[in-house]
């Protein structure tokens, strides 16, 4: 991935993380970012990647967002 594409993905990740950040208990943002970016690089849509990052945070990091 070139620098411009990486910058675009980081920007997208930042925007998508905002909705998780608003309702999540304290957490390390880089964990959510890593899970989201991993999913996007694997071909997931932004919505699928957000869901994957949320599952990772809940299952691995025990950061659970209440519905």
PDB file of N, CA and C in Angstrom:
ATOM      1  N   UNK A   1       0.854  -1.169   0.000  1.00  0.00           N
ATOM      2  CA  UNK A   1       0.000   0.000   0.000  1.00  0.00           C
ATOM      3  C   UNK A   1       0.905   1.239   0.000  1.00  0.00           C
ATOM      4  N   UNK A   2       0.608   2.160  -0.889  1.00  0.00           N
ATOM      5  CA  UNK A   2       1.428   3.368  -0.940  1.00  0.00           C
ATOM      6  C   UNK A   2       1.003   4.343   0.159  1.00  0.00           C
ATOM      7  N   UNK A   3       1.792   5.382   0.327  1.00  0.00           N
ATOM      8  CA  UNK A   3       1.565   6.329   1.418  1.00  0.00           C
ATOM      9  C   UNK A   3       0.214   7.023   1.296  1.00  0.00           C
ATOM     10  N   UNK A   4      -0.166   7.429   0.105  1.00  0.00           N
ATOM     11  CA  UNK A   4      -1.453   8.112  -0.080  1.00  0.00           C
ATOM     12  C   UNK A   4      -2.621   7.196   0.273  1.00  0.00           C
ATOM     13  N   UNK A   5      -2.551   5.940  -0.144  1.00  0.00           N
ATOM     14  CA  UNK A   5      -3.621   4.987   0.175  1.00  0.00           C
ATOM     15  C   UNK A   5      -3.672   4.724   1.677  1.00  0.00           C
ATOM     16  N   UNK A   6      -2.515   4.614   2.304  1.00  0.00           N
ATOM     17  CA  UNK A   6      -2.476   4.412   3.747  1.00  0.00           C
ATOM     18  C   UNK A   6      -3.061   5.621   4.474  1.00  0.00           C
ATOM     19  N   UNK A   7      -2.721   6.817   4.024  1.00  0.00           N
ATOM     20  CA  UNK A   7      -3.277   8.032   4.625  1.00  0.00           C
ATOM     21  C   UNK A   7      -4.796   8.056   4.486  1.00  0.00           C
ATOM     22  N   UNK A   8      -5.312   7.662   3.325  1.00  0.00           N
ATOM     23  CA  UNK A   8      -6.766   7.599   3.122  1.00  0.00           C
ATOM     24  C   UNK A   8      -7.408   6.589   4.065  1.00  0.00           C
ATOM     25  N   UNK A   9      -6.784   5.432   4.211  1.00  0.00           N
ATOM     26  CA  UNK A   9      -7.327   4.406   5.097  1.00  0.00           C
ATOM     27  C   UNK A   9      -7.288   4.866   6.552  1.00  0.00           C
ATOM     28  N   UNK A  10      -6.229   5.515   6.957  1.00  0.00           N
ATOM     29  CA  UNK A  10      -6.152   6.046   8.328  1.00  0.00           C
ATOM     30  C   UNK A  10      -7.228   7.103   8.565  1.00  0.00           C
ATOM     31  N   UNK A  11      -7.452   7.955   7.589  1.00  0.00           N
ATOM     32  CA  UNK A  11      -8.489   8.978   7.709  1.00  0.00           C
ATOM     33  C   UNK A  11      -9.863   8.329   7.851  1.00  0.00           C
ATOM     34  N   UNK A  12     -10.158   7.359   6.987  1.00  0.00           N
ATOM     35  CA  UNK A  12     -11.426   6.627   7.067  1.00  0.00           C
ATOM     36  C   UNK A  12     -11.570   5.952   8.427  1.00  0.00           C
ATOM     37  N   UNK A  13     -10.506   5.322   8.890  1.00  0.00           N
ATOM     38  CA  UNK A  13     -10.526   4.621  10.174  1.00  0.00           C
ATOM     39  C   UNK A  13     -10.830   5.593  11.303  1.00  0.00           C
ATOM     40  N   UNK A  14     -10.207   6.746  11.259  1.00  0.00           N
ATOM     41  CA  UNK A  14     -10.444   7.777  12.269  1.00  0.00           C
ATOM     42  C   UNK A  14     -11.905   8.194  12.303  1.00  0.00           C
ATOM     43  N   UNK A  15     -12.478   8.405  11.128  1.00  0.00           N
ATOM     44  CA  UNK A  15     -13.883   8.800  11.067  1.00  0.00           C
ATOM     45  C   UNK A  15     -14.803   7.701  11.585  1.00  0.00           C
ATOM     46  N   UNK A  16     -14.531   6.465  11.233  1.00  0.00           N
ATOM     47  CA  UNK A  16     -15.378   5.347  11.660  1.00  0.00           C
ATOM     48  C   UNK A  16     -15.233   5.088  13.160  1.00  0.00           C
ATOM     49  N   UNK A  17     -14.044   5.310  13.696  1.00  0.00           N
ATOM     50  CA  UNK A  17     -13.804   5.085  15.120  1.00  0.00           C
ATOM     51  C   UNK A  17     -14.612   6.055  15.975  1.00  0.00           C
ATOM     52  N   UNK A  18     -14.907   7.229  15.441  1.00  0.00           N
ATOM     53  CA  UNK A  18     -15.632   8.237  16.209  1.00  0.00           C
ATOM     54  C   UNK A  18     -16.945   7.738  16.774  1.00  0.00           C
ATOM     55  N   UNK A  19     -17.693   6.966  16.010  1.00  0.00           N
ATOM     56  CA  UNK A  19     -18.979   6.462  16.507  1.00  0.00           C
ATOM     57  C   UNK A  19     -18.783   5.411  17.598  1.00  0.00           C
ATOM     58  N   UNK A  20     -17.715   4.635  17.504  1.00  0.00           N
ATOM     59  CA  UNK A  20     -17.402   3.661  18.565  1.00  0.00           C
ATOM     60  C   UNK A  20     -16.930   4.402  19.811  1.00  0.00           C
ATOM     61  N   UNK A  21     -16.055   5.354  19.620  1.00  0.00           N
ATOM     62  CA  UNK A  21     -15.481   6.134  20.718  1.00  0.00           C
ATOM     63  C   UNK A  21     -16.563   6.819  21.540  1.00  0.00           C
ATOM     64  N   UNK A  22     -17.602   7.299  20.866  1.00  0.00           N
ATOM     65  CA  UNK A  22     -18.662   8.052  21.529  1.00  0.00           C
ATOM     66  C   UNK A  22     -19.445   7.224  22.543  1.00  0.00           C
ATOM     67  N   UNK A  23     -19.496   5.910  22.350  1.00  0.00           N
ATOM     68  CA  UNK A  23     -20.325   5.071  23.225  1.00  0.00           C
ATOM     69  C   UNK A  23     -19.530   4.016  23.989  1.00  0.00           C
ATOM     70  N   UNK A  24     -18.258   3.883  23.704  1.00  0.00           N
ATOM     71  CA  UNK A  24     -17.442   2.828  24.306  1.00  0.00           C
ATOM     72  C   UNK A  24     -16.839   3.286  25.628  1.00  0.00           C
ATOM     73  N   UNK A  25     -16.615   2.317  26.528  1.00  0.00           N
ATOM     74  CA  UNK A  25     -15.857   2.647  27.730  1.00  0.00           C
ATOM     75  C   UNK A  25     -14.407   2.964  27.351  1.00  0.00           C
ATOM     76  N   UNK A  26     -13.619   3.474  28.283  1.00  0.00           N
ATOM     77  CA  UNK A  26     -12.222   3.801  27.968  1.00  0.00           C
ATOM     78  C   UNK A  26     -11.502   2.606  27.338  1.00  0.00           C
ATOM     79  N   UNK A  27     -10.718   2.917  26.313  1.00  0.00           N
ATOM     80  CA  UNK A  27      -9.990   1.877  25.591  1.00  0.00           C
ATOM     81  C   UNK A  27      -8.822   2.511  24.854  1.00  0.00           C
ATOM     82  N   UNK A  28      -7.942   1.669  24.354  1.00  0.00           N
ATOM     83  CA  UNK A  28      -6.821   2.127  23.540  1.00  0.00           C
ATOM     84  C   UNK A  28      -7.277   2.169  22.089  1.00  0.00           C
ATOM     85  N   UNK A  29      -7.286   3.376  21.535  1.00  0.00           N
ATOM     86  CA  UNK A  29      -7.813   3.551  20.180  1.00  0.00           C
ATOM     87  C   UNK A  29      -7.096   2.688  19.165  1.00  0.00           C
ATOM     88  N   UNK A  30      -5.805   2.440  19.371  1.00  0.00           N
ATOM     89  CA  UNK A  30      -5.028   1.697  18.373  1.00  0.00           C
ATOM     90  C   UNK A  30      -5.501   0.262  18.225  1.00  0.00           C
ATOM     91  N   UNK A  31      -6.109  -0.310  19.264  1.00  0.00           N
ATOM     92  CA  UNK A  31      -6.640  -1.667  19.141  1.00  0.00           C
ATOM     93  C   UNK A  31      -7.796  -1.693  18.146  1.00  0.00           C
ATOM     94  N   UNK A  32      -8.707  -0.724  18.261  1.00  0.00           N
ATOM     95  CA  UNK A  32      -9.838  -0.650  17.333  1.00  0.00           C
ATOM     96  C   UNK A  32      -9.334  -0.353  15.930  1.00  0.00           C
ATOM     97  N   UNK A  33      -8.407   0.601  15.809  1.00  0.00           N
ATOM     98  CA  UNK A  33      -7.839   0.949  14.507  1.00  0.00           C
ATOM     99  C   UNK A  33      -7.233  -0.280  13.829  1.00  0.00           C
ATOM    100  N   UNK A  34      -6.448  -1.037  14.571  1.00  0.00           N
ATOM    101  CA  UNK A  34      -5.767  -2.194  13.981  1.00  0.00           C
ATOM    102  C   UNK A  34      -6.780  -3.213  13.465  1.00  0.00           C
ATOM    103  N   UNK A  35      -7.813  -3.487  14.263  1.00  0.00           N
ATOM    104  CA  UNK A  35      -8.824  -4.450  13.840  1.00  0.00           C
ATOM    105  C   UNK A  35      -9.587  -3.950  12.615  1.00  0.00           C
ATOM    106  N   UNK A  36      -9.928  -2.674  12.608  1.00  0.00           N
ATOM    107  CA  UNK A  36     -10.649  -2.091  11.481  1.00  0.00           C
ATOM    108  C   UNK A  36      -9.797  -2.138  10.215  1.00  0.00           C
ATOM    109  N   UNK A  37      -8.567  -1.684  10.322  1.00  0.00           N
ATOM    110  CA  UNK A  37      -7.689  -1.643   9.149  1.00  0.00           C
ATOM    111  C   UNK A  37      -7.387  -3.042   8.628  1.00  0.00           C
ATOM    112  N   UNK A  38      -7.230  -3.992   9.524  1.00  0.00           N
ATOM    113  CA  UNK A  38      -6.991  -5.373   9.112  1.00  0.00           C
ATOM    114  C   UNK A  38      -8.180  -5.880   8.290  1.00  0.00           C
ATOM    115  N   UNK A  39      -9.385  -5.604   8.770  1.00  0.00           N
ATOM    116  CA  UNK A  39     -10.584  -6.039   8.049  1.00  0.00           C
ATOM    117  C   UNK A  39     -10.697  -5.351   6.692  1.00  0.00           C
ATOM    118  N   UNK A  40     -10.437  -4.047   6.645  1.00  0.00           N
ATOM    119  CA  UNK A  40     -10.523  -3.321   5.365  1.00  0.00           C
ATOM    120  C   UNK A  40      -9.502  -3.848   4.372  1.00  0.00           C
ATOM    121  N   UNK A  41      -8.288  -4.099   4.844  1.00  0.00           N
ATOM    122  CA  UNK A  41      -7.257  -4.622   3.953  1.00  0.00           C
ATOM    123  C   UNK A  41      -7.601  -6.026   3.474  1.00  0.00           C
ATOM    124  N   UNK A  42      -8.432  -6.735   4.241  1.00  0.00           N
ATOM    125  CA  UNK A  42      -8.868  -8.065   3.844  1.00  0.00           C
ATOM    126  C   UNK A  42     -10.077  -8.064   2.923  1.00  0.00           C
ATOM    127  N   UNK A  43     -10.572  -6.878   2.565  1.00  0.00           N
ATOM    128  CA  UNK A  43     -11.668  -6.794   1.616  1.00  0.00           C
ATOM    129  C   UNK A  43     -13.025  -6.465   2.207  1.00  0.00           C
ATOM    130  N   UNK A  44     -13.107  -6.253   3.505  1.00  0.00           N
ATOM    131  CA  UNK A  44     -14.391  -5.913   4.132  1.00  0.00           C
ATOM    132  C   UNK A  44     -14.826  -4.507   3.742  1.00  0.00           C
ATOM    133  N   UNK A  45     -16.130  -4.306   3.713  1.00  0.00           N
ATOM    134  CA  UNK A  45     -16.677  -2.963   3.528  1.00  0.00           C
ATOM    135  C   UNK A  45     -16.442  -2.165   4.814  1.00  0.00           C
ATOM    136  N   UNK A  46     -16.612  -0.849   4.767  1.00  0.00           N
ATOM    137  CA  UNK A  46     -16.477  -0.073   6.003  1.00  0.00           C
ATOM    138  C   UNK A  46     -17.414  -0.546   7.125  1.00  0.00           C
ATOM    139  N   UNK A  47     -18.652  -0.866   6.786  1.00  0.00           N
ATOM    140  CA  UNK A  47     -19.581  -1.347   7.814  1.00  0.00           C
ATOM    141  C   UNK A  47     -19.134  -2.696   8.384  1.00  0.00           C
ATOM    142  N   UNK A  48     -18.706  -3.590   7.512  1.00  0.00           N
ATOM    143  CA  UNK A  48     -18.217  -4.896   7.977  1.00  0.00           C
ATOM    144  C   UNK A  48     -16.971  -4.733   8.844  1.00  0.00           C
ATOM    145  N   UNK A  49     -16.093  -3.823   8.460  1.00  0.00           N
ATOM    146  CA  UNK A  49     -14.872  -3.596   9.229  1.00  0.00           C
ATOM    147  C   UNK A  49     -15.182  -3.004  10.598  1.00  0.00           C
ATOM    148  N   UNK A  50     -16.149  -2.091  10.659  1.00  0.00           N
ATOM    149  CA  UNK A  50     -16.566  -1.538  11.959  1.00  0.00           C
ATOM    150  C   UNK A  50     -17.112  -2.640  12.859  1.00  0.00           C
ATOM    151  N   UNK A  51     -17.931  -3.505  12.281  1.00  0.00           N
ATOM    152  CA  UNK A  51     -18.468  -4.631  13.056  1.00  0.00           C
ATOM    153  C   UNK A  51     -17.346  -5.543  13.531  1.00  0.00           C
ATOM    154  N   UNK A  52     -16.389  -5.825  12.659  1.00  0.00           N
ATOM    155  CA  UNK A  52     -15.266  -6.691  13.021  1.00  0.00           C
ATOM    156  C   UNK A  52     -14.442  -6.063  14.138  1.00  0.00           C
ATOM    157  N   UNK A  53     -14.211  -4.764  14.048  1.00  0.00           N
ATOM    158  CA  UNK A  53     -13.448  -4.074  15.090  1.00  0.00           C
ATOM    159  C   UNK A  53     -14.206  -4.103  16.414  1.00  0.00           C
ATOM    160  N   UNK A  54     -15.508  -3.913  16.359  1.00  0.00           N
ATOM    161  CA  UNK A  54     -16.319  -3.984  17.574  1.00  0.00           C
ATOM    162  C   UNK A  54     -16.282  -5.364  18.204  1.00  0.00           C
ATOM    163  N   UNK A  55     -16.360  -6.401  17.372  1.00  0.00           N
ATOM    164  CA  UNK A  55     -16.277  -7.772  17.894  1.00  0.00           C
ATOM    165  C   UNK A  55     -14.914  -8.021  18.524  1.00  0.00           C
ATOM    166  N   UNK A  56     -13.860  -7.573  17.854  1.00  0.00           N
ATOM    167  CA  UNK A  56     -12.506  -7.741  18.402  1.00  0.00           C
ATOM    168  C   UNK A  56     -12.395  -7.060  19.763  1.00  0.00           C
ATOM    169  N   UNK A  57     -12.891  -5.846  19.844  1.00  0.00           N
ATOM    170  CA  UNK A  57     -12.792  -5.125  21.114  1.00  0.00           C
ATOM    171  C   UNK A  57     -13.552  -5.852  22.215  1.00  0.00           C
ATOM    172  N   UNK A  58     -14.716  -6.391  21.893  1.00  0.00           N
ATOM    173  CA  UNK A  58     -15.523  -7.095  22.891  1.00  0.00           C
ATOM    174  C   UNK A  58     -14.911  -8.438  23.272  1.00  0.00           C
ATOM    175  N   UNK A  59     -14.500  -9.217  22.273  1.00  0.00           N
ATOM    176  CA  UNK A  59     -14.053 -10.585  22.524  1.00  0.00           C
ATOM    177  C   UNK A  59     -12.621 -10.674  23.022  1.00  0.00           C
ATOM    178  N   UNK A  60     -11.741  -9.819  22.533  1.00  0.00           N
ATOM    179  CA  UNK A  60     -10.328  -9.914  22.870  1.00  0.00           C
ATOM    180  C   UNK A  60      -9.934  -8.914  23.955  1.00  0.00           C
ATOM    181  N   UNK A  61     -10.428  -7.687  23.824  1.00  0.00           N
ATOM    182  CA  UNK A  61     -10.033  -6.623  24.743  1.00  0.00           C
ATOM    183  C   UNK A  61     -11.044  -6.403  25.871  1.00  0.00           C
ATOM    184  N   UNK A  62     -12.191  -7.066  25.783  1.00  0.00           N
ATOM    185  CA  UNK A  62     -13.249  -6.971  26.799  1.00  0.00           C
ATOM    186  C   UNK A  62     -13.755  -5.531  26.973  1.00  0.00           C
ATOM    187  N   UNK A  63     -13.791  -4.822  25.863  1.00  0.00           N
ATOM    188  CA  UNK A  63     -14.370  -3.482  25.815  1.00  0.00           C
ATOM    189  C   UNK A  63     -15.704  -3.643  25.095  1.00  0.00           C
ATOM    190  N   UNK A  64     -16.766  -3.611  25.871  1.00  0.00           N
ATOM    191  CA  UNK A  64     -18.089  -3.925  25.343  1.00  0.00           C
ATOM    192  C   UNK A  64     -18.953  -2.664  25.318  1.00  0.00           C
ATOM    193  N   UNK A  65     -19.553  -2.418  24.160  1.00  0.00           N
ATOM    194  CA  UNK A  65     -20.483  -1.310  24.010  1.00  0.00           C
ATOM    195  C   UNK A  65     -21.875  -1.856  24.279  1.00  0.00           C
ATOM    196  N   UNK A  66     -22.563  -1.229  25.200  1.00  0.00           N
ATOM    197  CA  UNK A  66     -23.930  -1.657  25.534  1.00  0.00           C
ATOM    198  C   UNK A  66     -24.889  -1.156  24.467  1.00  0.00           C
ATOM    199  N   UNK A  67     -25.839  -2.029  24.054  1.00  0.00           N
ATOM    200  CA  UNK A  67     -26.801  -1.609  23.021  1.00  0.00           C
ATOM    201  C   UNK A  67     -27.751  -0.540  23.523  1.00  0.00           C
TER     202      UNK A  67
END
